[in-house]
């Protein structure tokens, strides 16, 4: 859940993210009618993404504890180097936000697969069942999502044929 932003783990526990995301989901469910499992997962993922972004902004924003906390002693790794550098974390906030915004802007098919695997932690076979597609199609969409997020291909590139069987 904290992929790409391990510094957030120092200040926030996954249980907090889970609980706050559930509160957001509960509020959303009172306003939205869920049609199927796929729709539910899409709604849940939106709430998780929003919670992670809000926590990162709160923690590393101008008044956040992650930006303003000073630590004299940091644990060292085997080579004597620091395992964690606080001064680097606030600079990563922009990259963290950009990553989640780019994930949200993925084409629908790739975003659904990315959300289920990355945010929800489903296995590819489980995601295939939720989406009603083959595991191979999930794998293709997952790979395309990763390429899109890394910038190796653009959104308007011609889509490769997917195995739908």
N, C-alpha and C. Protein backbone atom coordinates (compact mmCIF):
# COMPACT_ATOMS: atom_id res chain seq x y z
N UNK A 1 0.82 -1.20 0.00
CA UNK A 1 0.00 0.00 0.00
C UNK A 1 0.86 1.26 0.00
N UNK A 2 2.04 1.18 0.59
CA UNK A 2 2.91 2.35 0.63
C UNK A 2 3.99 2.27 -0.44
N UNK A 3 3.74 1.50 -1.52
CA UNK A 3 4.71 1.38 -2.60
C UNK A 3 5.10 2.78 -3.08
N UNK A 4 6.37 2.98 -3.27
CA UNK A 4 6.83 4.25 -3.81
C UNK A 4 6.94 5.36 -2.80
N UNK A 5 6.51 5.13 -1.58
CA UNK A 5 6.60 6.17 -0.55
C UNK A 5 6.78 5.53 0.81
N UNK A 6 7.92 4.84 1.02
CA UNK A 6 8.13 4.14 2.28
C UNK A 6 8.21 5.07 3.48
N UNK A 7 8.55 6.35 3.27
CA UNK A 7 8.64 7.30 4.38
C UNK A 7 7.30 7.52 5.06
N UNK A 8 6.22 7.35 4.33
CA UNK A 8 4.89 7.51 4.92
C UNK A 8 4.64 6.45 5.97
N UNK A 9 5.22 5.27 5.78
CA UNK A 9 5.06 4.16 6.73
C UNK A 9 5.58 4.55 8.12
N UNK A 10 6.56 5.45 8.18
CA UNK A 10 7.10 5.88 9.47
C UNK A 10 6.05 6.62 10.30
N UNK A 11 5.15 7.32 9.63
CA UNK A 11 4.20 8.18 10.33
C UNK A 11 2.79 7.63 10.34
N UNK A 12 2.47 6.72 9.45
CA UNK A 12 1.11 6.21 9.30
C UNK A 12 1.15 4.69 9.24
N UNK A 13 0.22 4.05 9.93
CA UNK A 13 0.13 2.60 9.89
C UNK A 13 -0.93 2.16 8.88
N UNK A 14 -0.72 0.99 8.31
CA UNK A 14 -1.68 0.51 7.31
C UNK A 14 -3.07 0.34 7.91
N UNK A 15 -3.16 0.01 9.20
CA UNK A 15 -4.47 -0.10 9.85
C UNK A 15 -5.22 1.23 9.81
N UNK A 16 -4.49 2.34 9.97
CA UNK A 16 -5.11 3.66 9.90
C UNK A 16 -5.65 3.95 8.50
N UNK A 17 -4.85 3.61 7.50
CA UNK A 17 -5.28 3.81 6.13
C UNK A 17 -6.53 2.96 5.86
N UNK A 18 -6.50 1.72 6.31
CA UNK A 18 -7.63 0.81 6.12
C UNK A 18 -8.89 1.37 6.79
N UNK A 19 -8.77 1.77 8.05
CA UNK A 19 -9.93 2.27 8.78
C UNK A 19 -10.48 3.54 8.15
N UNK A 20 -9.61 4.48 7.83
CA UNK A 20 -10.06 5.74 7.23
C UNK A 20 -10.66 5.51 5.84
N UNK A 21 -10.11 4.56 5.10
CA UNK A 21 -10.67 4.23 3.79
C UNK A 21 -12.05 3.60 3.94
N UNK A 22 -12.22 2.78 4.98
CA UNK A 22 -13.54 2.18 5.23
C UNK A 22 -14.58 3.25 5.59
N UNK A 23 -14.17 4.24 6.36
CA UNK A 23 -15.09 5.33 6.71
C UNK A 23 -15.49 6.08 5.44
N UNK A 24 -14.52 6.35 4.58
CA UNK A 24 -14.81 7.03 3.31
C UNK A 24 -15.75 6.17 2.45
N UNK A 25 -15.47 4.86 2.42
CA UNK A 25 -16.28 3.95 1.63
C UNK A 25 -17.71 3.90 2.17
N UNK A 26 -17.85 3.87 3.49
CA UNK A 26 -19.18 3.86 4.10
C UNK A 26 -19.97 5.10 3.69
N UNK A 27 -19.32 6.26 3.73
CA UNK A 27 -19.99 7.50 3.31
C UNK A 27 -20.38 7.43 1.83
N UNK A 28 -19.46 6.92 1.00
CA UNK A 28 -19.74 6.83 -0.44
C UNK A 28 -20.89 5.87 -0.72
N UNK A 29 -20.95 4.77 0.04
CA UNK A 29 -22.02 3.79 -0.18
C UNK A 29 -23.40 4.36 0.17
N UNK A 30 -23.44 5.35 1.03
CA UNK A 30 -24.73 5.97 1.35
C UNK A 30 -25.22 6.88 0.23
N UNK A 31 -24.31 7.20 -0.70
CA UNK A 31 -24.68 8.10 -1.80
C UNK A 31 -24.70 7.42 -3.17
N UNK A 32 -24.12 6.22 -3.24
CA UNK A 32 -23.98 5.53 -4.53
C UNK A 32 -24.59 4.14 -4.43
N UNK A 33 -25.30 3.74 -5.46
CA UNK A 33 -25.84 2.38 -5.51
C UNK A 33 -24.82 1.49 -6.22
N UNK A 34 -24.37 0.45 -5.55
CA UNK A 34 -23.39 -0.47 -6.12
C UNK A 34 -24.11 -1.50 -6.97
N UNK A 35 -23.63 -1.68 -8.21
CA UNK A 35 -24.30 -2.57 -9.15
C UNK A 35 -23.75 -3.99 -9.12
N UNK A 36 -22.44 -4.13 -8.86
CA UNK A 36 -21.83 -5.46 -8.86
C UNK A 36 -20.49 -5.40 -8.13
N UNK A 37 -19.81 -6.52 -8.06
CA UNK A 37 -18.53 -6.60 -7.35
C UNK A 37 -17.50 -5.68 -7.99
N UNK A 38 -17.50 -5.65 -9.29
CA UNK A 38 -16.56 -4.79 -10.03
C UNK A 38 -16.75 -3.32 -9.65
N UNK A 39 -17.98 -2.88 -9.60
CA UNK A 39 -18.29 -1.50 -9.22
C UNK A 39 -17.87 -1.23 -7.78
N UNK A 40 -18.10 -2.20 -6.90
CA UNK A 40 -17.69 -2.05 -5.50
C UNK A 40 -16.18 -1.84 -5.38
N UNK A 41 -15.40 -2.67 -6.07
CA UNK A 41 -13.94 -2.55 -6.01
C UNK A 41 -13.48 -1.20 -6.58
N UNK A 42 -14.12 -0.74 -7.65
CA UNK A 42 -13.76 0.58 -8.20
C UNK A 42 -14.01 1.67 -7.17
N UNK A 43 -15.15 1.62 -6.51
CA UNK A 43 -15.49 2.61 -5.49
C UNK A 43 -14.52 2.54 -4.30
N UNK A 44 -14.21 1.32 -3.85
CA UNK A 44 -13.29 1.14 -2.73
C UNK A 44 -11.90 1.67 -3.07
N UNK A 45 -11.44 1.42 -4.27
CA UNK A 45 -10.11 1.86 -4.67
C UNK A 45 -10.01 3.37 -4.73
N UNK A 46 -11.06 4.01 -5.19
CA UNK A 46 -11.06 5.47 -5.21
C UNK A 46 -10.88 6.01 -3.79
N UNK A 47 -11.54 5.40 -2.82
CA UNK A 47 -11.44 5.85 -1.43
C UNK A 47 -10.03 5.61 -0.87
N UNK A 48 -9.43 4.48 -1.21
CA UNK A 48 -8.06 4.19 -0.75
C UNK A 48 -7.09 5.20 -1.36
N UNK A 49 -7.21 5.44 -2.66
CA UNK A 49 -6.33 6.40 -3.33
C UNK A 49 -6.45 7.78 -2.70
N UNK A 50 -7.67 8.21 -2.46
CA UNK A 50 -7.88 9.53 -1.85
C UNK A 50 -7.30 9.60 -0.44
N UNK A 51 -7.45 8.54 0.32
CA UNK A 51 -6.90 8.50 1.68
C UNK A 51 -5.38 8.58 1.66
N UNK A 52 -4.75 7.83 0.78
CA UNK A 52 -3.28 7.86 0.69
C UNK A 52 -2.78 9.25 0.29
N UNK A 53 -3.44 9.86 -0.66
CA UNK A 53 -3.04 11.21 -1.07
C UNK A 53 -3.23 12.22 0.05
N UNK A 54 -4.36 12.15 0.73
CA UNK A 54 -4.60 13.08 1.84
C UNK A 54 -3.59 12.88 2.97
N UNK A 55 -3.26 11.62 3.28
CA UNK A 55 -2.27 11.35 4.32
C UNK A 55 -0.89 11.87 3.93
N UNK A 56 -0.51 11.68 2.68
CA UNK A 56 0.79 12.18 2.22
C UNK A 56 0.84 13.70 2.30
N UNK A 57 -0.23 14.36 1.88
CA UNK A 57 -0.27 15.83 1.95
C UNK A 57 -0.22 16.30 3.40
N UNK A 58 -0.98 15.62 4.25
CA UNK A 58 -1.01 16.02 5.66
C UNK A 58 0.34 15.78 6.33
N UNK A 59 0.96 14.65 6.04
CA UNK A 59 2.22 14.28 6.69
C UNK A 59 3.40 15.09 6.17
N UNK A 60 3.46 15.32 4.86
CA UNK A 60 4.63 15.98 4.28
C UNK A 60 4.33 17.36 3.73
N UNK A 61 3.14 17.88 4.00
CA UNK A 61 2.81 19.24 3.60
C UNK A 61 3.59 20.25 4.43
N UNK A 62 3.36 21.53 4.24
CA UNK A 62 4.13 22.57 4.91
C UNK A 62 4.12 22.48 6.43
N UNK A 63 3.04 22.01 7.01
CA UNK A 63 2.94 21.92 8.47
C UNK A 63 2.96 20.49 8.98
N UNK A 64 3.25 19.54 8.10
CA UNK A 64 3.22 18.13 8.46
C UNK A 64 4.39 17.70 9.31
N UNK A 65 4.14 16.68 10.12
CA UNK A 65 5.17 16.17 11.01
C UNK A 65 6.36 15.60 10.23
N UNK A 66 6.11 15.00 9.09
CA UNK A 66 7.18 14.43 8.29
C UNK A 66 8.11 15.46 7.70
N UNK A 67 7.62 16.66 7.50
CA UNK A 67 8.44 17.74 6.97
C UNK A 67 9.18 18.48 8.09
N UNK A 68 8.58 18.56 9.24
CA UNK A 68 9.12 19.41 10.30
C UNK A 68 9.78 18.67 11.45
N UNK A 69 9.81 17.37 11.40
CA UNK A 69 10.42 16.59 12.48
C UNK A 69 11.91 16.42 12.22
N UNK A 70 12.70 16.61 13.24
CA UNK A 70 14.15 16.44 13.13
C UNK A 70 14.57 15.23 13.95
N UNK A 71 15.37 14.37 13.34
CA UNK A 71 15.88 13.21 14.03
C UNK A 71 17.40 13.27 14.00
N UNK A 72 18.03 13.25 15.20
CA UNK A 72 19.49 13.31 15.25
C UNK A 72 20.12 11.98 14.88
N UNK A 73 19.50 10.88 15.28
CA UNK A 73 20.07 9.57 15.04
C UNK A 73 19.14 8.78 14.14
N UNK A 74 19.73 8.24 13.06
CA UNK A 74 18.97 7.39 12.16
C UNK A 74 19.65 6.04 12.10
N UNK A 75 18.87 4.96 12.03
CA UNK A 75 19.50 3.65 11.94
C UNK A 75 20.34 3.52 10.68
N UNK A 76 21.42 2.78 10.78
CA UNK A 76 22.31 2.59 9.64
C UNK A 76 22.14 1.20 9.06
N UNK A 77 22.45 1.10 7.77
CA UNK A 77 22.44 -0.21 7.14
C UNK A 77 23.82 -0.85 7.31
N UNK A 78 24.07 -1.97 6.66
CA UNK A 78 25.32 -2.70 6.84
C UNK A 78 26.53 -1.89 6.40
N UNK A 79 26.36 -0.97 5.46
CA UNK A 79 27.49 -0.19 4.96
C UNK A 79 27.71 1.07 5.78
N UNK A 80 26.89 1.31 6.80
CA UNK A 80 27.02 2.49 7.62
C UNK A 80 26.18 3.66 7.14
N UNK A 81 25.55 3.51 5.98
CA UNK A 81 24.70 4.58 5.46
C UNK A 81 23.34 4.58 6.13
N UNK A 82 22.66 5.70 6.05
CA UNK A 82 21.35 5.85 6.66
C UNK A 82 20.31 5.03 5.91
N UNK A 83 19.43 4.38 6.66
CA UNK A 83 18.33 3.65 6.04
C UNK A 83 17.20 4.58 5.64
N UNK A 84 17.16 5.75 6.24
CA UNK A 84 16.03 6.65 6.01
C UNK A 84 16.52 8.09 6.15
N UNK A 85 16.27 8.90 5.16
CA UNK A 85 16.68 10.29 5.22
C UNK A 85 15.42 11.15 5.22
N UNK A 86 15.14 11.78 6.34
CA UNK A 86 13.93 12.58 6.46
C UNK A 86 13.90 13.73 5.47
N UNK A 87 15.04 14.34 5.22
CA UNK A 87 15.04 15.51 4.35
C UNK A 87 14.61 15.17 2.92
N UNK A 88 14.72 13.90 2.53
CA UNK A 88 14.31 13.52 1.19
C UNK A 88 12.80 13.36 1.06
N UNK A 89 12.10 13.07 2.13
CA UNK A 89 10.69 12.72 2.05
C UNK A 89 9.79 13.82 1.52
N UNK A 90 9.86 15.07 2.00
CA UNK A 90 8.93 16.06 1.48
C UNK A 90 9.07 16.28 -0.02
N UNK A 91 10.29 16.13 -0.55
CA UNK A 91 10.48 16.29 -1.98
C UNK A 91 9.74 15.22 -2.77
N UNK A 92 9.50 14.07 -2.16
CA UNK A 92 8.83 12.98 -2.84
C UNK A 92 7.31 13.14 -2.86
N UNK A 93 6.78 14.08 -2.09
CA UNK A 93 5.34 14.28 -2.04
C UNK A 93 4.77 14.56 -3.43
N UNK A 94 5.45 15.41 -4.18
CA UNK A 94 4.97 15.74 -5.51
C UNK A 94 4.97 14.50 -6.42
N UNK A 95 6.02 13.70 -6.32
CA UNK A 95 6.08 12.47 -7.12
C UNK A 95 5.00 11.49 -6.68
N UNK A 96 4.76 11.39 -5.38
CA UNK A 96 3.72 10.51 -4.83
C UNK A 96 2.35 10.92 -5.37
N UNK A 97 2.05 12.22 -5.31
CA UNK A 97 0.78 12.71 -5.81
C UNK A 97 0.65 12.48 -7.31
N UNK A 98 1.72 12.77 -8.04
CA UNK A 98 1.71 12.58 -9.48
C UNK A 98 1.46 11.13 -9.85
N UNK A 99 2.11 10.21 -9.12
CA UNK A 99 1.93 8.79 -9.38
C UNK A 99 0.46 8.40 -9.24
N UNK A 100 -0.17 8.79 -8.14
CA UNK A 100 -1.57 8.39 -7.90
C UNK A 100 -2.51 9.09 -8.88
N UNK A 101 -2.19 10.31 -9.27
CA UNK A 101 -3.01 11.00 -10.26
C UNK A 101 -2.88 10.33 -11.62
N UNK A 102 -1.67 9.91 -11.97
CA UNK A 102 -1.46 9.20 -13.23
C UNK A 102 -2.17 7.85 -13.20
N UNK A 103 -2.15 7.19 -12.05
CA UNK A 103 -2.86 5.91 -11.92
C UNK A 103 -4.36 6.12 -12.14
N UNK A 104 -4.87 7.20 -11.59
CA UNK A 104 -6.29 7.49 -11.75
C UNK A 104 -6.64 7.85 -13.19
N UNK A 105 -5.68 8.38 -13.93
CA UNK A 105 -5.91 8.81 -15.31
C UNK A 105 -5.64 7.72 -16.35
N UNK A 106 -5.25 6.53 -15.90
CA UNK A 106 -5.04 5.42 -16.83
C UNK A 106 -6.33 5.15 -17.60
N UNK A 107 -6.22 4.60 -18.81
CA UNK A 107 -7.44 4.17 -19.51
C UNK A 107 -8.23 3.21 -18.62
N UNK A 108 -9.53 3.21 -18.75
CA UNK A 108 -10.42 2.45 -17.86
C UNK A 108 -10.00 1.00 -17.65
N UNK A 109 -9.71 0.29 -18.72
CA UNK A 109 -9.38 -1.13 -18.58
C UNK A 109 -8.09 -1.34 -17.78
N UNK A 110 -7.08 -0.55 -18.09
CA UNK A 110 -5.81 -0.68 -17.37
C UNK A 110 -5.95 -0.20 -15.93
N UNK A 111 -6.72 0.87 -15.71
CA UNK A 111 -6.91 1.39 -14.36
C UNK A 111 -7.62 0.37 -13.47
N UNK A 112 -8.64 -0.30 -14.00
CA UNK A 112 -9.34 -1.30 -13.20
C UNK A 112 -8.40 -2.41 -12.75
N UNK A 113 -7.59 -2.90 -13.68
CA UNK A 113 -6.64 -3.97 -13.33
C UNK A 113 -5.59 -3.44 -12.36
N UNK A 114 -5.05 -2.27 -12.64
CA UNK A 114 -4.04 -1.68 -11.75
C UNK A 114 -4.61 -1.49 -10.34
N UNK A 115 -5.81 -0.98 -10.25
CA UNK A 115 -6.43 -0.74 -8.95
C UNK A 115 -6.60 -2.04 -8.16
N UNK A 116 -7.07 -3.07 -8.83
CA UNK A 116 -7.29 -4.35 -8.14
C UNK A 116 -5.98 -4.98 -7.66
N UNK A 117 -4.94 -4.89 -8.48
CA UNK A 117 -3.67 -5.52 -8.12
C UNK A 117 -2.86 -4.65 -7.16
N UNK A 118 -2.80 -3.37 -7.42
CA UNK A 118 -1.94 -2.47 -6.63
C UNK A 118 -2.60 -2.05 -5.32
N UNK A 119 -3.79 -1.50 -5.40
CA UNK A 119 -4.46 -0.96 -4.20
C UNK A 119 -5.17 -2.04 -3.40
N UNK A 120 -5.85 -2.94 -4.08
CA UNK A 120 -6.65 -3.95 -3.39
C UNK A 120 -5.85 -5.19 -3.03
N UNK A 121 -4.69 -5.38 -3.68
CA UNK A 121 -3.83 -6.51 -3.35
C UNK A 121 -4.34 -7.86 -3.86
N UNK A 122 -5.21 -7.85 -4.86
CA UNK A 122 -5.71 -9.10 -5.40
C UNK A 122 -4.63 -9.77 -6.26
N UNK A 123 -4.71 -11.07 -6.37
CA UNK A 123 -3.86 -11.81 -7.29
C UNK A 123 -4.47 -11.66 -8.69
N UNK A 124 -3.67 -11.94 -9.72
CA UNK A 124 -4.17 -11.78 -11.09
C UNK A 124 -5.37 -12.66 -11.38
N UNK A 125 -5.37 -13.87 -10.88
CA UNK A 125 -6.51 -14.76 -11.10
C UNK A 125 -7.78 -14.21 -10.43
N UNK A 126 -7.63 -13.68 -9.22
CA UNK A 126 -8.78 -13.09 -8.51
C UNK A 126 -9.31 -11.88 -9.28
N UNK A 127 -8.41 -11.04 -9.77
CA UNK A 127 -8.83 -9.87 -10.55
C UNK A 127 -9.55 -10.29 -11.82
N UNK A 128 -9.07 -11.34 -12.45
CA UNK A 128 -9.72 -11.85 -13.67
C UNK A 128 -11.16 -12.26 -13.37
N UNK A 129 -11.38 -12.92 -12.24
CA UNK A 129 -12.73 -13.35 -11.86
C UNK A 129 -13.63 -12.15 -11.59
N UNK A 130 -13.10 -11.15 -10.88
CA UNK A 130 -13.89 -9.95 -10.57
C UNK A 130 -14.29 -9.24 -11.86
N UNK A 131 -13.36 -9.15 -12.80
CA UNK A 131 -13.61 -8.41 -14.04
C UNK A 131 -14.29 -9.25 -15.12
N UNK A 132 -14.32 -10.57 -14.92
CA UNK A 132 -14.94 -11.44 -15.92
C UNK A 132 -14.12 -11.56 -17.19
N UNK A 133 -12.80 -11.55 -17.05
CA UNK A 133 -11.89 -11.67 -18.20
C UNK A 133 -10.86 -12.75 -17.89
N UNK A 134 -10.05 -13.09 -18.88
CA UNK A 134 -9.05 -14.13 -18.68
C UNK A 134 -7.87 -13.59 -17.88
N UNK A 135 -7.15 -14.52 -17.26
CA UNK A 135 -5.95 -14.13 -16.51
C UNK A 135 -4.90 -13.53 -17.44
N UNK A 136 -4.83 -14.02 -18.65
CA UNK A 136 -3.88 -13.48 -19.62
C UNK A 136 -4.21 -12.02 -19.95
N UNK A 137 -5.49 -11.71 -20.09
CA UNK A 137 -5.90 -10.34 -20.36
C UNK A 137 -5.53 -9.44 -19.18
N UNK A 138 -5.72 -9.94 -17.97
CA UNK A 138 -5.31 -9.17 -16.78
C UNK A 138 -3.81 -8.90 -16.84
N UNK A 139 -3.04 -9.92 -17.15
CA UNK A 139 -1.58 -9.77 -17.22
C UNK A 139 -1.19 -8.73 -18.28
N UNK A 140 -1.85 -8.77 -19.44
CA UNK A 140 -1.56 -7.80 -20.51
C UNK A 140 -1.91 -6.38 -20.08
N UNK A 141 -3.07 -6.22 -19.45
CA UNK A 141 -3.47 -4.88 -19.00
C UNK A 141 -2.58 -4.38 -17.87
N UNK A 142 -2.14 -5.27 -16.98
CA UNK A 142 -1.24 -4.91 -15.89
C UNK A 142 0.09 -4.41 -16.46
N UNK A 143 0.62 -5.15 -17.43
CA UNK A 143 1.88 -4.74 -18.06
C UNK A 143 1.74 -3.41 -18.78
N UNK A 144 0.63 -3.23 -19.48
CA UNK A 144 0.40 -1.96 -20.18
C UNK A 144 0.26 -0.81 -19.18
N UNK A 145 -0.43 -1.04 -18.07
CA UNK A 145 -0.58 0.00 -17.05
C UNK A 145 0.79 0.41 -16.51
N UNK A 146 1.64 -0.57 -16.24
CA UNK A 146 2.98 -0.26 -15.72
C UNK A 146 3.79 0.52 -16.75
N UNK A 147 3.66 0.17 -18.03
CA UNK A 147 4.37 0.91 -19.07
C UNK A 147 3.85 2.34 -19.19
N UNK A 148 2.54 2.49 -19.11
CA UNK A 148 1.95 3.83 -19.16
C UNK A 148 2.41 4.69 -17.98
N UNK A 149 2.42 4.11 -16.80
CA UNK A 149 2.84 4.86 -15.61
C UNK A 149 4.32 5.22 -15.65
N UNK A 150 5.12 4.36 -16.23
CA UNK A 150 6.55 4.64 -16.30
C UNK A 150 6.89 5.61 -17.42
N UNK A 151 5.91 5.88 -18.28
CA UNK A 151 6.13 6.81 -19.38
C UNK A 151 6.78 6.17 -20.59
N UNK A 152 6.92 4.84 -20.58
CA UNK A 152 7.55 4.16 -21.71
C UNK A 152 6.66 4.14 -22.94
N UNK A 153 5.35 4.22 -22.74
CA UNK A 153 4.42 4.36 -23.86
C UNK A 153 3.43 5.45 -23.50
N UNK A 154 2.83 6.06 -24.51
CA UNK A 154 1.86 7.13 -24.28
C UNK A 154 0.45 6.56 -24.32
N UNK A 155 -0.50 7.30 -23.71
CA UNK A 155 -1.90 6.86 -23.67
C UNK A 155 -2.48 6.66 -25.07
N UNK A 156 -2.03 7.44 -26.04
CA UNK A 156 -2.65 7.37 -27.37
C UNK A 156 -2.00 6.35 -28.29
N UNK A 157 -1.04 5.55 -27.78
CA UNK A 157 -0.45 4.49 -28.59
C UNK A 157 -1.55 3.50 -29.00
N UNK A 158 -1.34 2.87 -30.12
CA UNK A 158 -2.30 1.86 -30.58
C UNK A 158 -2.30 0.69 -29.62
N UNK A 159 -3.47 0.27 -29.22
CA UNK A 159 -3.61 -0.83 -28.27
C UNK A 159 -3.25 -2.15 -28.94
N UNK A 160 -2.50 -2.93 -28.21
CA UNK A 160 -2.18 -4.29 -28.68
C UNK A 160 -3.40 -5.17 -28.52
N UNK A 161 -3.52 -6.13 -29.39
CA UNK A 161 -4.62 -7.09 -29.27
C UNK A 161 -4.49 -7.88 -27.98
N UNK A 162 -5.58 -8.06 -27.27
CA UNK A 162 -5.58 -8.82 -26.02
C UNK A 162 -6.25 -10.16 -26.25
N UNK A 163 -5.79 -11.12 -25.50
CA UNK A 163 -6.43 -12.44 -25.51
C UNK A 163 -7.68 -12.35 -24.66
N UNK A 164 -8.84 -12.50 -25.25
CA UNK A 164 -10.08 -12.41 -24.51
C UNK A 164 -10.67 -13.78 -24.21
N UNK A 165 -9.98 -14.79 -24.57
CA UNK A 165 -10.50 -16.14 -24.38
C UNK A 165 -9.96 -16.83 -23.20
